[in-house]
Amino acid sequence: MFENYRRVLRTAKRPTKEEFKRSTLLVGLGMLAVGAMGLVINLLFQLVGL
């Protein structure tokens, strides 16, 4: 079991600053999109009265 973890850690590399910035931006945009969809759904349910 630990051999698998060791193998993954040996092949993994740290992201560059550009990769990290891009990943952070995409995760943030995804969170905003999911939050906006939740807000729209909540408002629709309030309008319908459920």
N, C-alpha and C. Protein backbone atom coordinates (compact mmCIF):
# COMPACT_ATOMS: atom_id res chain seq x y z
N MET A 1 0.83 -1.19 0.00
CA MET A 1 0.00 0.00 0.00
C MET A 1 0.88 1.26 0.00
N PHE A 2 1.87 1.30 0.89
CA PHE A 2 2.74 2.47 0.96
C PHE A 2 3.63 2.61 -0.26
N GLU A 3 3.87 1.49 -0.96
CA GLU A 3 4.68 1.57 -2.17
C GLU A 3 3.98 2.40 -3.23
N ASN A 4 2.65 2.28 -3.31
CA ASN A 4 1.88 3.07 -4.28
C ASN A 4 1.99 4.56 -3.96
N TYR A 5 1.88 4.91 -2.68
CA TYR A 5 1.99 6.31 -2.29
C TYR A 5 3.38 6.85 -2.60
N ARG A 6 4.39 6.05 -2.32
CA ARG A 6 5.77 6.47 -2.56
C ARG A 6 6.00 6.68 -4.06
N ARG A 7 5.44 5.80 -4.88
CA ARG A 7 5.60 5.93 -6.33
C ARG A 7 4.93 7.21 -6.83
N VAL A 8 3.75 7.49 -6.34
CA VAL A 8 3.05 8.71 -6.75
C VAL A 8 3.83 9.95 -6.32
N LEU A 9 4.32 9.96 -5.09
CA LEU A 9 5.07 11.12 -4.62
C LEU A 9 6.38 11.31 -5.38
N ARG A 10 6.99 10.22 -5.84
CA ARG A 10 8.23 10.35 -6.61
C ARG A 10 7.96 10.95 -7.99
N THR A 11 6.81 10.62 -8.59
CA THR A 11 6.53 11.12 -9.95
C THR A 11 5.83 12.47 -9.94
N ALA A 12 5.26 12.87 -8.80
CA ALA A 12 4.54 14.14 -8.73
C ALA A 12 5.53 15.31 -8.73
N LYS A 13 5.07 16.44 -9.26
CA LYS A 13 5.91 17.64 -9.24
C LYS A 13 5.05 18.81 -8.78
N ARG A 14 5.72 19.82 -8.26
CA ARG A 14 5.00 21.01 -7.82
C ARG A 14 4.54 21.79 -9.05
N PRO A 15 3.37 22.39 -8.97
CA PRO A 15 2.91 23.20 -10.11
C PRO A 15 3.72 24.50 -10.19
N THR A 16 3.85 25.00 -11.40
CA THR A 16 4.48 26.31 -11.56
C THR A 16 3.50 27.38 -11.08
N LYS A 17 3.99 28.60 -10.95
CA LYS A 17 3.11 29.68 -10.49
C LYS A 17 1.96 29.89 -11.47
N GLU A 18 2.26 29.77 -12.75
CA GLU A 18 1.21 29.96 -13.77
C GLU A 18 0.15 28.86 -13.67
N GLU A 19 0.58 27.62 -13.48
CA GLU A 19 -0.38 26.51 -13.33
C GLU A 19 -1.23 26.71 -12.07
N PHE A 20 -0.59 27.15 -11.00
CA PHE A 20 -1.32 27.37 -9.74
C PHE A 20 -2.35 28.49 -9.89
N LYS A 21 -1.95 29.58 -10.54
CA LYS A 21 -2.88 30.70 -10.75
C LYS A 21 -4.07 30.26 -11.59
N ARG A 22 -3.80 29.49 -12.66
CA ARG A 22 -4.87 29.05 -13.54
C ARG A 22 -5.82 28.10 -12.80
N SER A 23 -5.27 27.18 -12.01
CA SER A 23 -6.11 26.25 -11.25
C SER A 23 -6.97 27.00 -10.24
N THR A 24 -6.36 27.97 -9.56
CA THR A 24 -7.10 28.76 -8.58
C THR A 24 -8.23 29.53 -9.24
N LEU A 25 -7.96 30.12 -10.38
CA LEU A 25 -8.98 30.86 -11.11
C LEU A 25 -10.13 29.95 -11.52
N LEU A 26 -9.81 28.78 -12.06
CA LEU A 26 -10.86 27.87 -12.52
C LEU A 26 -11.70 27.35 -11.36
N VAL A 27 -11.06 27.04 -10.24
CA VAL A 27 -11.82 26.58 -9.07
C VAL A 27 -12.72 27.69 -8.56
N GLY A 28 -12.20 28.91 -8.52
CA GLY A 28 -13.01 30.04 -8.08
C GLY A 28 -14.20 30.29 -8.98
N LEU A 29 -13.97 30.21 -10.29
CA LEU A 29 -15.09 30.40 -11.23
C LEU A 29 -16.13 29.28 -11.09
N GLY A 30 -15.66 28.06 -10.86
CA GLY A 30 -16.59 26.95 -10.64
C GLY A 30 -17.43 27.16 -9.40
N MET A 31 -16.79 27.63 -8.33
CA MET A 31 -17.53 27.89 -7.09
C MET A 31 -18.57 28.99 -7.30
N LEU A 32 -18.19 30.04 -8.01
CA LEU A 32 -19.14 31.11 -8.30
C LEU A 32 -20.31 30.61 -9.14
N ALA A 33 -20.03 29.76 -10.12
CA ALA A 33 -21.09 29.23 -10.97
C ALA A 33 -22.06 28.37 -10.17
N VAL A 34 -21.54 27.51 -9.32
CA VAL A 34 -22.41 26.65 -8.51
C VAL A 34 -23.22 27.50 -7.54
N GLY A 35 -22.59 28.51 -6.94
CA GLY A 35 -23.32 29.40 -6.03
C GLY A 35 -24.41 30.18 -6.74
N ALA A 36 -24.12 30.65 -7.95
CA ALA A 36 -25.11 31.41 -8.71
C ALA A 36 -26.29 30.51 -9.09
N MET A 37 -26.00 29.26 -9.47
CA MET A 37 -27.09 28.34 -9.81
C MET A 37 -27.95 28.07 -8.57
N GLY A 38 -27.32 27.91 -7.42
CA GLY A 38 -28.08 27.70 -6.18
C GLY A 38 -28.95 28.89 -5.85
N LEU A 39 -28.41 30.10 -6.06
CA LEU A 39 -29.18 31.31 -5.80
C LEU A 39 -30.39 31.40 -6.73
N VAL A 40 -30.19 31.13 -8.01
CA VAL A 40 -31.29 31.19 -8.97
C VAL A 40 -32.36 30.15 -8.61
N ILE A 41 -31.95 28.95 -8.28
CA ILE A 41 -32.91 27.91 -7.91
C ILE A 41 -33.68 28.32 -6.66
N ASN A 42 -32.96 28.87 -5.67
CA ASN A 42 -33.63 29.31 -4.45
C ASN A 42 -34.64 30.41 -4.74
N LEU A 43 -34.26 31.37 -5.57
CA LEU A 43 -35.20 32.44 -5.92
C LEU A 43 -36.41 31.91 -6.67
N LEU A 44 -36.20 30.95 -7.57
CA LEU A 44 -37.34 30.37 -8.30
C LEU A 44 -38.29 29.65 -7.33
N PHE A 45 -37.75 28.91 -6.38
CA PHE A 45 -38.60 28.23 -5.43
C PHE A 45 -39.35 29.23 -4.56
N GLN A 46 -38.73 30.33 -4.21
CA GLN A 46 -39.42 31.35 -3.41
C GLN A 46 -40.54 32.00 -4.22
N LEU A 47 -40.31 32.22 -5.50
CA LEU A 47 -41.34 32.81 -6.34
C LEU A 47 -42.53 31.88 -6.52
N VAL A 48 -42.25 30.59 -6.67
CA VAL A 48 -43.31 29.62 -6.86
C VAL A 48 -44.02 29.34 -5.55
N GLY A 49 -43.30 29.48 -4.44
CA GLY A 49 -43.92 29.28 -3.14
C GLY A 49 -43.74 27.89 -2.58
N LEU A 50 -42.70 27.19 -2.97
CA LEU A 50 -42.44 25.86 -2.42
C LEU A 50 -41.55 25.91 -1.22
